[in-house]
Amino acid sequence: MLHGISRRHARLFERVVRYVRRQFEVVPLGELVSRKKEDLSGKLAITFDDGLRNNLEVAYPILKSYGVPATFFVCPASSSAAAGCGTTRRASA
């Protein structure tokens, strides 16, 4: 689970995405959940917590350019309204 990727860490994140893509079959979180009784070795889901703006502006374009799916957990209200958290969006290229 990741939180945010700042612009200054974009290159590092891109290297991580390339590495993960080579080493694992990156699948949407929902696919891992639905395969809970199957062998999941070699599979990986990338998730982002908190729905920070840099998820959309920095992380998503990198993920999209490599065709790597990710799940973003978005909190539509401010962090003080935690009851509004839990909405999910899946980004896939």
PDB file of N, CA and C in Angstrom:
ATOM      1  N   MET A   1       0.848  -1.166   0.000  1.00  0.00           N
ATOM      2  CA  MET A   1       0.000   0.000   0.000  1.00  0.00           C
ATOM      3  C   MET A   1       0.898   1.234   0.000  1.00  0.00           C
ATOM      4  N   LEU A   2       0.565   2.139  -0.861  1.00  0.00           N
ATOM      5  CA  LEU A   2       1.274   3.409  -0.965  1.00  0.00           C
ATOM      6  C   LEU A   2       0.330   4.535  -0.571  1.00  0.00           C
ATOM      7  N   HIS A   3       0.896   5.664  -0.231  1.00  0.00           N
ATOM      8  CA  HIS A   3       0.058   6.823   0.077  1.00  0.00           C
ATOM      9  C   HIS A   3       0.146   7.838  -1.050  1.00  0.00           C
ATOM     10  N   GLY A   4       1.298   8.370  -1.263  1.00  0.00           N
ATOM     11  CA  GLY A   4       1.442   9.372  -2.304  1.00  0.00           C
ATOM     12  C   GLY A   4       2.828   9.309  -2.919  1.00  0.00           C
ATOM     13  N   ILE A   5       2.927   9.822  -4.129  1.00  0.00           N
ATOM     14  CA  ILE A   5       4.192   9.884  -4.847  1.00  0.00           C
ATOM     15  C   ILE A   5       4.421  11.347  -5.203  1.00  0.00           C
ATOM     16  N   SER A   6       5.381  11.968  -4.552  1.00  0.00           N
ATOM     17  CA  SER A   6       5.666  13.368  -4.857  1.00  0.00           C
ATOM     18  C   SER A   6       6.367  13.460  -6.212  1.00  0.00           C
ATOM     19  N   ARG A   7       6.314  14.622  -6.800  1.00  0.00           N
ATOM     20  CA  ARG A   7       6.968  14.822  -8.102  1.00  0.00           C
ATOM     21  C   ARG A   7       8.465  14.531  -8.016  1.00  0.00           C
ATOM     22  N   ARG A   8       9.068  14.870  -6.908  1.00  0.00           N
ATOM     23  CA  ARG A   8      10.510  14.634  -6.798  1.00  0.00           C
ATOM     24  C   ARG A   8      10.859  13.153  -6.688  1.00  0.00           C
ATOM     25  N   HIS A   9       9.872  12.319  -6.388  1.00  0.00           N
ATOM     26  CA  HIS A   9      10.096  10.873  -6.308  1.00  0.00           C
ATOM     27  C   HIS A   9       9.516  10.118  -7.506  1.00  0.00           C
ATOM     28  N   ALA A  10       9.095  10.850  -8.519  1.00  0.00           N
ATOM     29  CA  ALA A  10       8.460  10.215  -9.684  1.00  0.00           C
ATOM     30  C   ALA A  10       9.401   9.242 -10.391  1.00  0.00           C
ATOM     31  N   ARG A  11      10.663   9.609 -10.565  1.00  0.00           N
ATOM     32  CA  ARG A  11      11.609   8.706 -11.238  1.00  0.00           C
ATOM     33  C   ARG A  11      11.823   7.426 -10.445  1.00  0.00           C
ATOM     34  N   LEU A  12      11.929   7.565  -9.127  1.00  0.00           N
ATOM     35  CA  LEU A  12      12.085   6.385  -8.284  1.00  0.00           C
ATOM     36  C   LEU A  12      10.855   5.490  -8.398  1.00  0.00           C
ATOM     37  N   PHE A  13       9.675   6.091  -8.350  1.00  0.00           N
ATOM     38  CA  PHE A  13       8.444   5.310  -8.483  1.00  0.00           C
ATOM     39  C   PHE A  13       8.391   4.611  -9.838  1.00  0.00           C
ATOM     40  N   GLU A  14       8.821   5.296 -10.875  1.00  0.00           N
ATOM     41  CA  GLU A  14       8.832   4.676 -12.199  1.00  0.00           C
ATOM     42  C   GLU A  14       9.759   3.461 -12.216  1.00  0.00           C
ATOM     43  N   ARG A  15      10.912   3.571 -11.580  1.00  0.00           N
ATOM     44  CA  ARG A  15      11.825   2.415 -11.503  1.00  0.00           C
ATOM     45  C   ARG A  15      11.186   1.271 -10.730  1.00  0.00           C
ATOM     46  N   VAL A  16      10.483   1.599  -9.659  1.00  0.00           N
ATOM     47  CA  VAL A  16       9.791   0.570  -8.872  1.00  0.00           C
ATOM     48  C   VAL A  16       8.725  -0.112  -9.726  1.00  0.00           C
ATOM     49  N   VAL A  17       7.963   0.666 -10.473  1.00  0.00           N
ATOM     50  CA  VAL A  17       6.920   0.099 -11.333  1.00  0.00           C
ATOM     51  C   VAL A  17       7.527  -0.836 -12.373  1.00  0.00           C
ATOM     52  N   ARG A  18       8.622  -0.416 -12.990  1.00  0.00           N
ATOM     53  CA  ARG A  18       9.288  -1.277 -13.980  1.00  0.00           C
ATOM     54  C   ARG A  18       9.759  -2.580 -13.328  1.00  0.00           C
ATOM     55  N   TYR A  19      10.358  -2.476 -12.163  1.00  0.00           N
ATOM     56  CA  TYR A  19      10.841  -3.670 -11.454  1.00  0.00           C
ATOM     57  C   TYR A  19       9.674  -4.602 -11.113  1.00  0.00           C
ATOM     58  N   VAL A  20       8.630  -4.044 -10.519  1.00  0.00           N
ATOM     59  CA  VAL A  20       7.471  -4.840 -10.104  1.00  0.00           C
ATOM     60  C   VAL A  20       6.845  -5.527 -11.312  1.00  0.00           C
ATOM     61  N   ARG A  21       6.766  -4.803 -12.412  1.00  0.00           N
ATOM     62  CA  ARG A  21       6.169  -5.365 -13.633  1.00  0.00           C
ATOM     63  C   ARG A  21       6.984  -6.544 -14.165  1.00  0.00           C
ATOM     64  N   ARG A  22       8.301  -6.464 -14.018  1.00  0.00           N
ATOM     65  CA  ARG A  22       9.153  -7.577 -14.468  1.00  0.00           C
ATOM     66  C   ARG A  22       9.081  -8.776 -13.534  1.00  0.00           C
ATOM     67  N   GLN A  23       8.934  -8.534 -12.256  1.00  0.00           N
ATOM     68  CA  GLN A  23       9.021  -9.597 -11.253  1.00  0.00           C
ATOM     69  C   GLN A  23       7.685 -10.254 -10.902  1.00  0.00           C
ATOM     70  N   PHE A  24       6.581  -9.560 -11.149  1.00  0.00           N
ATOM     71  CA  PHE A  24       5.265 -10.033 -10.731  1.00  0.00           C
ATOM     72  C   PHE A  24       4.243  -9.867 -11.853  1.00  0.00           C
ATOM     73  N   GLU A  25       3.163 -10.584 -11.700  1.00  0.00           N
ATOM     74  CA  GLU A  25       1.982 -10.312 -12.515  1.00  0.00           C
ATOM     75  C   GLU A  25       1.154  -9.324 -11.703  1.00  0.00           C
ATOM     76  N   VAL A  26       1.120  -8.072 -12.129  1.00  0.00           N
ATOM     77  CA  VAL A  26       0.391  -7.050 -11.383  1.00  0.00           C
ATOM     78  C   VAL A  26      -1.068  -7.112 -11.804  1.00  0.00           C
ATOM     79  N   VAL A  27      -1.932  -7.314 -10.821  1.00  0.00           N
ATOM     80  CA  VAL A  27      -3.360  -7.476 -11.086  1.00  0.00           C
ATOM     81  C   VAL A  27      -4.154  -6.511 -10.210  1.00  0.00           C
ATOM     82  N   PRO A  28      -5.382  -6.177 -10.610  1.00  0.00           N
ATOM     83  CA  PRO A  28      -6.233  -5.336  -9.759  1.00  0.00           C
ATOM     84  C   PRO A  28      -6.515  -6.034  -8.427  1.00  0.00           C
ATOM     85  N   LEU A  29      -6.681  -5.263  -7.379  1.00  0.00           N
ATOM     86  CA  LEU A  29      -6.955  -5.809  -6.056  1.00  0.00           C
ATOM     87  C   LEU A  29      -8.158  -6.750  -6.072  1.00  0.00           C
ATOM     88  N   GLY A  30      -9.194  -6.367  -6.791  1.00  0.00           N
ATOM     89  CA  GLY A  30     -10.400  -7.205  -6.866  1.00  0.00           C
ATOM     90  C   GLY A  30     -10.113  -8.590  -7.414  1.00  0.00           C
ATOM     91  N   GLU A  31      -9.172  -8.691  -8.323  1.00  0.00           N
ATOM     92  CA  GLU A  31      -8.810  -9.991  -8.869  1.00  0.00           C
ATOM     93  C   GLU A  31      -8.127 -10.858  -7.815  1.00  0.00           C
ATOM     94  N   LEU A  32      -7.276 -10.259  -7.002  1.00  0.00           N
ATOM     95  CA  LEU A  32      -6.651 -11.031  -5.917  1.00  0.00           C
ATOM     96  C   LEU A  32      -7.702 -11.516  -4.931  1.00  0.00           C
ATOM     97  N   VAL A  33      -8.629 -10.648  -4.603  1.00  0.00           N
ATOM     98  CA  VAL A  33      -9.682 -11.017  -3.650  1.00  0.00           C
ATOM     99  C   VAL A  33     -10.535 -12.149  -4.209  1.00  0.00           C
ATOM    100  N   SER A  34     -10.876 -12.084  -5.476  1.00  0.00           N
ATOM    101  CA  SER A  34     -11.734 -13.115  -6.064  1.00  0.00           C
ATOM    102  C   SER A  34     -10.997 -14.446  -6.225  1.00  0.00           C
ATOM    103  N   ARG A  35      -9.684 -14.427  -6.215  1.00  0.00           N
ATOM    104  CA  ARG A  35      -8.885 -15.658  -6.345  1.00  0.00           C
ATOM    105  C   ARG A  35      -8.391 -16.166  -5.000  1.00  0.00           C
ATOM    106  N   LYS A  36      -9.048 -15.804  -3.920  1.00  0.00           N
ATOM    107  CA  LYS A  36      -8.530 -16.070  -2.588  1.00  0.00           C
ATOM    108  C   LYS A  36      -8.206 -17.535  -2.317  1.00  0.00           C
ATOM    109  N   LYS A  37      -8.825 -18.468  -3.011  1.00  0.00           N
ATOM    110  CA  LYS A  37      -8.540 -19.880  -2.774  1.00  0.00           C
ATOM    111  C   LYS A  37      -7.539 -20.442  -3.775  1.00  0.00           C
ATOM    112  N   GLU A  38      -7.126 -19.630  -4.715  1.00  0.00           N
ATOM    113  CA  GLU A  38      -6.154 -20.068  -5.709  1.00  0.00           C
ATOM    114  C   GLU A  38      -4.748 -19.709  -5.253  1.00  0.00           C
ATOM    115  N   ASP A  39      -3.771 -20.288  -5.920  1.00  0.00           N
ATOM    116  CA  ASP A  39      -2.381 -19.945  -5.664  1.00  0.00           C
ATOM    117  C   ASP A  39      -2.123 -18.534  -6.180  1.00  0.00           C
ATOM    118  N   LEU A  40      -1.706 -17.663  -5.306  1.00  0.00           N
ATOM    119  CA  LEU A  40      -1.478 -16.265  -5.674  1.00  0.00           C
ATOM    120  C   LEU A  40       0.004 -15.938  -5.816  1.00  0.00           C
ATOM    121  N   SER A  41       0.851 -16.949  -5.785  1.00  0.00           N
ATOM    122  CA  SER A  41       2.285 -16.669  -5.885  1.00  0.00           C
ATOM    123  C   SER A  41       2.583 -15.983  -7.211  1.00  0.00           C
ATOM    124  N   GLY A  42       3.422 -14.978  -7.132  1.00  0.00           N
ATOM    125  CA  GLY A  42       3.804 -14.230  -8.319  1.00  0.00           C
ATOM    126  C   GLY A  42       2.840 -13.132  -8.700  1.00  0.00           C
ATOM    127  N   LYS A  43       1.757 -12.967  -7.948  1.00  0.00           N
ATOM    128  CA  LYS A  43       0.776 -11.927  -8.252  1.00  0.00           C
ATOM    129  C   LYS A  43       0.908 -10.805  -7.223  1.00  0.00           C
ATOM    130  N   LEU A  44       0.639  -9.590  -7.665  1.00  0.00           N
ATOM    131  CA  LEU A  44       0.789  -8.425  -6.807  1.00  0.00           C
ATOM    132  C   LEU A  44      -0.274  -7.397  -7.164  1.00  0.00           C
ATOM    133  N   ALA A  45      -0.859  -6.780  -6.152  1.00  0.00           N
ATOM    134  CA  ALA A  45      -1.796  -5.673  -6.363  1.00  0.00           C
ATOM    135  C   ALA A  45      -1.171  -4.418  -5.771  1.00  0.00           C
ATOM    136  N   ILE A  46      -1.260  -3.327  -6.497  1.00  0.00           N
ATOM    137  CA  ILE A  46      -0.767  -2.035  -6.019  1.00  0.00           C
ATOM    138  C   ILE A  46      -1.971  -1.230  -5.555  1.00  0.00           C
ATOM    139  N   THR A  47      -1.883  -0.713  -4.334  1.00  0.00           N
ATOM    140  CA  THR A  47      -2.973   0.109  -3.810  1.00  0.00           C
ATOM    141  C   THR A  47      -2.421   1.424  -3.269  1.00  0.00           C
ATOM    142  N   PHE A  48      -3.253   2.449  -3.349  1.00  0.00           N
ATOM    143  CA  PHE A  48      -2.924   3.763  -2.813  1.00  0.00           C
ATOM    144  C   PHE A  48      -3.991   4.134  -1.805  1.00  0.00           C
ATOM    145  N   ASP A  49      -3.571   4.579  -0.643  1.00  0.00           N
ATOM    146  CA  ASP A  49      -4.472   4.965   0.425  1.00  0.00           C
ATOM    147  C   ASP A  49      -4.609   6.488   0.433  1.00  0.00           C
ATOM    148  N   ASP A  50      -5.721   6.980   0.826  1.00  0.00           N
ATOM    149  CA  ASP A  50      -5.992   8.398   1.098  1.00  0.00           C
ATOM    150  C   ASP A  50      -6.374   9.248  -0.109  1.00  0.00           C
ATOM    151  N   GLY A  51      -6.207   8.776  -1.331  1.00  0.00           N
ATOM    152  CA  GLY A  51      -6.637   9.531  -2.503  1.00  0.00           C
ATOM    153  C   GLY A  51      -5.998  10.896  -2.641  1.00  0.00           C
ATOM    154  N   LEU A  52      -4.713  10.969  -2.411  1.00  0.00           N
ATOM    155  CA  LEU A  52      -4.018  12.252  -2.541  1.00  0.00           C
ATOM    156  C   LEU A  52      -3.972  12.706  -4.002  1.00  0.00           C
ATOM    157  N   ARG A  53      -3.909  13.991  -4.208  1.00  0.00           N
ATOM    158  CA  ARG A  53      -3.888  14.556  -5.559  1.00  0.00           C
ATOM    159  C   ARG A  53      -2.724  14.007  -6.378  1.00  0.00           C
ATOM    160  N   ASN A  54      -1.568  13.789  -5.734  1.00  0.00           N
ATOM    161  CA  ASN A  54      -0.425  13.304  -6.495  1.00  0.00           C
ATOM    162  C   ASN A  54      -0.615  11.869  -6.985  1.00  0.00           C
ATOM    163  N   ASN A  55      -1.579  11.149  -6.427  1.00  0.00           N
ATOM    164  CA  ASN A  55      -1.917   9.830  -6.982  1.00  0.00           C
ATOM    165  C   ASN A  55      -2.364   9.988  -8.430  1.00  0.00           C
ATOM    166  N   LEU A  56      -3.182  10.993  -8.671  1.00  0.00           N
ATOM    167  CA  LEU A  56      -3.697  11.266 -10.014  1.00  0.00           C
ATOM    168  C   LEU A  56      -2.662  11.964 -10.896  1.00  0.00           C
ATOM    169  N   GLU A  57      -1.977  12.931 -10.339  1.00  0.00           N
ATOM    170  CA  GLU A  57      -1.078  13.750 -11.148  1.00  0.00           C
ATOM    171  C   GLU A  57       0.294  13.120 -11.400  1.00  0.00           C
ATOM    172  N   VAL A  58       0.782  12.292 -10.487  1.00  0.00           N
ATOM    173  CA  VAL A  58       2.123  11.717 -10.617  1.00  0.00           C
ATOM    174  C   VAL A  58       2.064  10.209 -10.837  1.00  0.00           C
ATOM    175  N   ALA A  59       1.431   9.493  -9.919  1.00  0.00           N
ATOM    176  CA  ALA A  59       1.445   8.022  -9.976  1.00  0.00           C
ATOM    177  C   ALA A  59       0.645   7.471 -11.155  1.00  0.00           C
ATOM    178  N   TYR A  60      -0.570   7.955 -11.343  1.00  0.00           N
ATOM    179  CA  TYR A  60      -1.430   7.395 -12.394  1.00  0.00           C
ATOM    180  C   TYR A  60      -0.803   7.449 -13.788  1.00  0.00           C
ATOM    181  N   PRO A  61      -0.234   8.587 -14.220  1.00  0.00           N
ATOM    182  CA  PRO A  61       0.373   8.599 -15.562  1.00  0.00           C
ATOM    183  C   PRO A  61       1.504   7.570 -15.714  1.00  0.00           C
ATOM    184  N   ILE A  62       2.267   7.365 -14.672  1.00  0.00           N
ATOM    185  CA  ILE A  62       3.349   6.371 -14.724  1.00  0.00           C
ATOM    186  C   ILE A  62       2.754   4.973 -14.829  1.00  0.00           C
ATOM    187  N   LEU A  63       1.793   4.665 -13.981  1.00  0.00           N
ATOM    188  CA  LEU A  63       1.139   3.358 -14.032  1.00  0.00           C
ATOM    189  C   LEU A  63       0.520   3.119 -15.403  1.00  0.00           C
ATOM    190  N   LYS A  64      -0.164   4.122 -15.914  1.00  0.00           N
ATOM    191  CA  LYS A  64      -0.821   3.990 -17.209  1.00  0.00           C
ATOM    192  C   LYS A  64       0.192   3.739 -18.321  1.00  0.00           C
ATOM    193  N   SER A  65       1.315   4.442 -18.281  1.00  0.00           N
ATOM    194  CA  SER A  65       2.309   4.283 -19.348  1.00  0.00           C
ATOM    195  C   SER A  65       2.908   2.883 -19.377  1.00  0.00           C
ATOM    196  N   TYR A  66       2.893   2.188 -18.249  1.00  0.00           N
ATOM    197  CA  TYR A  66       3.412   0.818 -18.193  1.00  0.00           C
ATOM    198  C   TYR A  66       2.298  -0.230 -18.214  1.00  0.00           C
ATOM    199  N   GLY A  67       1.058   0.205 -18.324  1.00  0.00           N
ATOM    200  CA  GLY A  67      -0.058  -0.727 -18.369  1.00  0.00           C
ATOM    201  C   GLY A  67      -0.251  -1.483 -17.070  1.00  0.00           C
ATOM    202  N   VAL A  68       0.069  -0.833 -15.951  1.00  0.00           N
ATOM    203  CA  VAL A  68      -0.008  -1.476 -14.638  1.00  0.00           C
ATOM    204  C   VAL A  68      -1.269  -1.005 -13.913  1.00  0.00           C
ATOM    205  N   PRO A  69      -2.135  -1.933 -13.511  1.00  0.00           N
ATOM    206  CA  PRO A  69      -3.346  -1.546 -12.787  1.00  0.00           C
ATOM    207  C   PRO A  69      -3.030  -1.201 -11.333  1.00  0.00           C
ATOM    208  N   ALA A  70      -3.862  -0.378 -10.743  1.00  0.00           N
ATOM    209  CA  ALA A  70      -3.749  -0.033  -9.331  1.00  0.00           C
ATOM    210  C   ALA A  70      -5.137   0.271  -8.790  1.00  0.00           C
ATOM    211  N   THR A  71      -5.272   0.155  -7.491  1.00  0.00           N
ATOM    212  CA  THR A  71      -6.522   0.499  -6.823  1.00  0.00           C
ATOM    213  C   THR A  71      -6.263   1.728  -5.970  1.00  0.00           C
ATOM    214  N   PHE A  72      -7.113   2.730  -6.097  1.00  0.00           N
ATOM    215  CA  PHE A  72      -6.987   3.961  -5.326  1.00  0.00           C
ATOM    216  C   PHE A  72      -8.160   4.041  -4.349  1.00  0.00           C
ATOM    217  N   PHE A  73      -7.858   4.145  -3.079  1.00  0.00           N
ATOM    218  CA  PHE A  73      -8.889   4.337  -2.068  1.00  0.00           C
ATOM    219  C   PHE A  73      -9.012   5.840  -1.855  1.00  0.00           C
ATOM    220  N   VAL A  74     -10.188   6.363  -2.172  1.00  0.00           N
ATOM    221  CA  VAL A  74     -10.389   7.809  -2.162  1.00  0.00           C
ATOM    222  C   VAL A  74     -11.316   8.188  -1.023  1.00  0.00           C
ATOM    223  N   CYS A  75     -10.913   9.184  -0.275  1.00  0.00           N
ATOM    224  CA  CYS A  75     -11.736   9.718   0.803  1.00  0.00           C
ATOM    225  C   CYS A  75     -12.334  11.026   0.293  1.00  0.00           C
ATOM    226  N   PRO A  76     -13.612  11.035  -0.078  1.00  0.00           N
ATOM    227  CA  PRO A  76     -14.197  12.222  -0.701  1.00  0.00           C
ATOM    228  C   PRO A  76     -14.327  13.419   0.228  1.00  0.00           C
ATOM    229  N   ALA A  77     -14.360  13.168   1.524  1.00  0.00           N
ATOM    230  CA  ALA A  77     -14.475  14.267   2.483  1.00  0.00           C
ATOM    231  C   ALA A  77     -13.088  14.575   3.039  1.00  0.00           C
ATOM    232  N   SER A  78     -12.997  15.598   3.824  1.00  0.00           N
ATOM    233  CA  SER A  78     -11.712  15.914   4.457  1.00  0.00           C
ATOM    234  C   SER A  78     -11.328  14.793   5.411  1.00  0.00           C
ATOM    235  N   SER A  79     -10.085  14.758   5.797  1.00  0.00           N
ATOM    236  CA  SER A  79      -9.609  13.682   6.665  1.00  0.00           C
ATOM    237  C   SER A  79     -10.303  13.697   8.016  1.00  0.00           C
ATOM    238  N   SER A  80     -10.872  14.819   8.405  1.00  0.00           N
ATOM    239  CA  SER A  80     -11.578  14.872   9.684  1.00  0.00           C
ATOM    240  C   SER A  80     -12.935  14.176   9.606  1.00  0.00           C
ATOM    241  N   ALA A  81     -13.412  13.925   8.402  1.00  0.00           N
ATOM    242  CA  ALA A  81     -14.697  13.242   8.218  1.00  0.00           C
ATOM    243  C   ALA A  81     -14.433  11.814   7.775  1.00  0.00           C
ATOM    244  N   ALA A  82     -13.756  11.055   8.604  1.00  0.00           N
ATOM    245  CA  ALA A  82     -13.315   9.708   8.243  1.00  0.00           C
ATOM    246  C   ALA A  82     -14.467   8.790   7.870  1.00  0.00           C
ATOM    247  N   ALA A  83     -15.682   9.089   8.317  1.00  0.00           N
ATOM    248  CA  ALA A  83     -16.814   8.234   7.978  1.00  0.00           C
ATOM    249  C   ALA A  83     -17.075   8.210   6.482  1.00  0.00           C
ATOM    250  N   GLY A  84     -16.621   9.239   5.745  1.00  0.00           N
ATOM    251  CA  GLY A  84     -16.822   9.288   4.305  1.00  0.00           C
ATOM    252  C   GLY A  84     -15.805   8.478   3.525  1.00  0.00           C
ATOM    253  N   CYS A  85     -14.813   7.935   4.206  1.00  0.00           N
ATOM    254  CA  CYS A  85     -13.761   7.178   3.522  1.00  0.00           C
ATOM    255  C   CYS A  85     -14.250   5.791   3.155  1.00  0.00           C
ATOM    256  N   GLY A  86     -13.590   5.223   2.178  1.00  0.00           N
ATOM    257  CA  GLY A  86     -13.922   3.861   1.797  1.00  0.00           C
ATOM    258  C   GLY A  86     -14.338   3.738   0.352  1.00  0.00           C
ATOM    259  N   THR A  87     -14.552   4.840  -0.334  1.00  0.00           N
ATOM    260  CA  THR A  87     -14.886   4.803  -1.744  1.00  0.00           C
ATOM    261  C   THR A  87     -13.660   4.355  -2.529  1.00  0.00           C
ATOM    262  N   THR A  88     -13.840   3.457  -3.458  1.00  0.00           N
ATOM    263  CA  THR A  88     -12.677   2.990  -4.219  1.00  0.00           C
ATOM    264  C   THR A  88     -12.828   3.306  -5.703  1.00  0.00           C
ATOM    265  N   ARG A  89     -11.720   3.492  -6.349  1.00  0.00           N
ATOM    266  CA  ARG A  89     -11.641   3.673  -7.801  1.00  0.00           C
ATOM    267  C   ARG A  89     -10.513   2.811  -8.289  1.00  0.00           C
ATOM    268  N   ARG A  90     -10.730   2.093  -9.334  1.00  0.00           N
ATOM    269  CA  ARG A  90      -9.670   1.291  -9.910  1.00  0.00           C
ATOM    270  C   ARG A  90      -9.172   1.963 -11.165  1.00  0.00           C
ATOM    271  N   ALA A  91      -7.891   2.144 -11.250  1.00  0.00           N
ATOM    272  CA  ALA A  91      -7.286   2.723 -12.450  1.00  0.00           C
ATOM    273  C   ALA A  91      -6.574   1.629 -13.193  1.00  0.00           C
ATOM    274  N   SER A  92      -6.913   1.464 -14.437  1.00  0.00           N
ATOM    275  CA  SER A  92      -6.171   0.487 -15.235  1.00  0.00           C
ATOM    276  C   SER A  92      -5.922   1.083 -16.598  1.00  0.00           C
ATOM    277  N   ALA A  93      -4.797   0.727 -17.121  1.00  0.00           N
ATOM    278  CA  ALA A  93      -4.401   1.279 -18.412  1.00  0.00           C
ATOM    279  C   ALA A  93      -4.954   0.447 -19.539  1.00  0.00           C
TER     280      ALA A  93
END
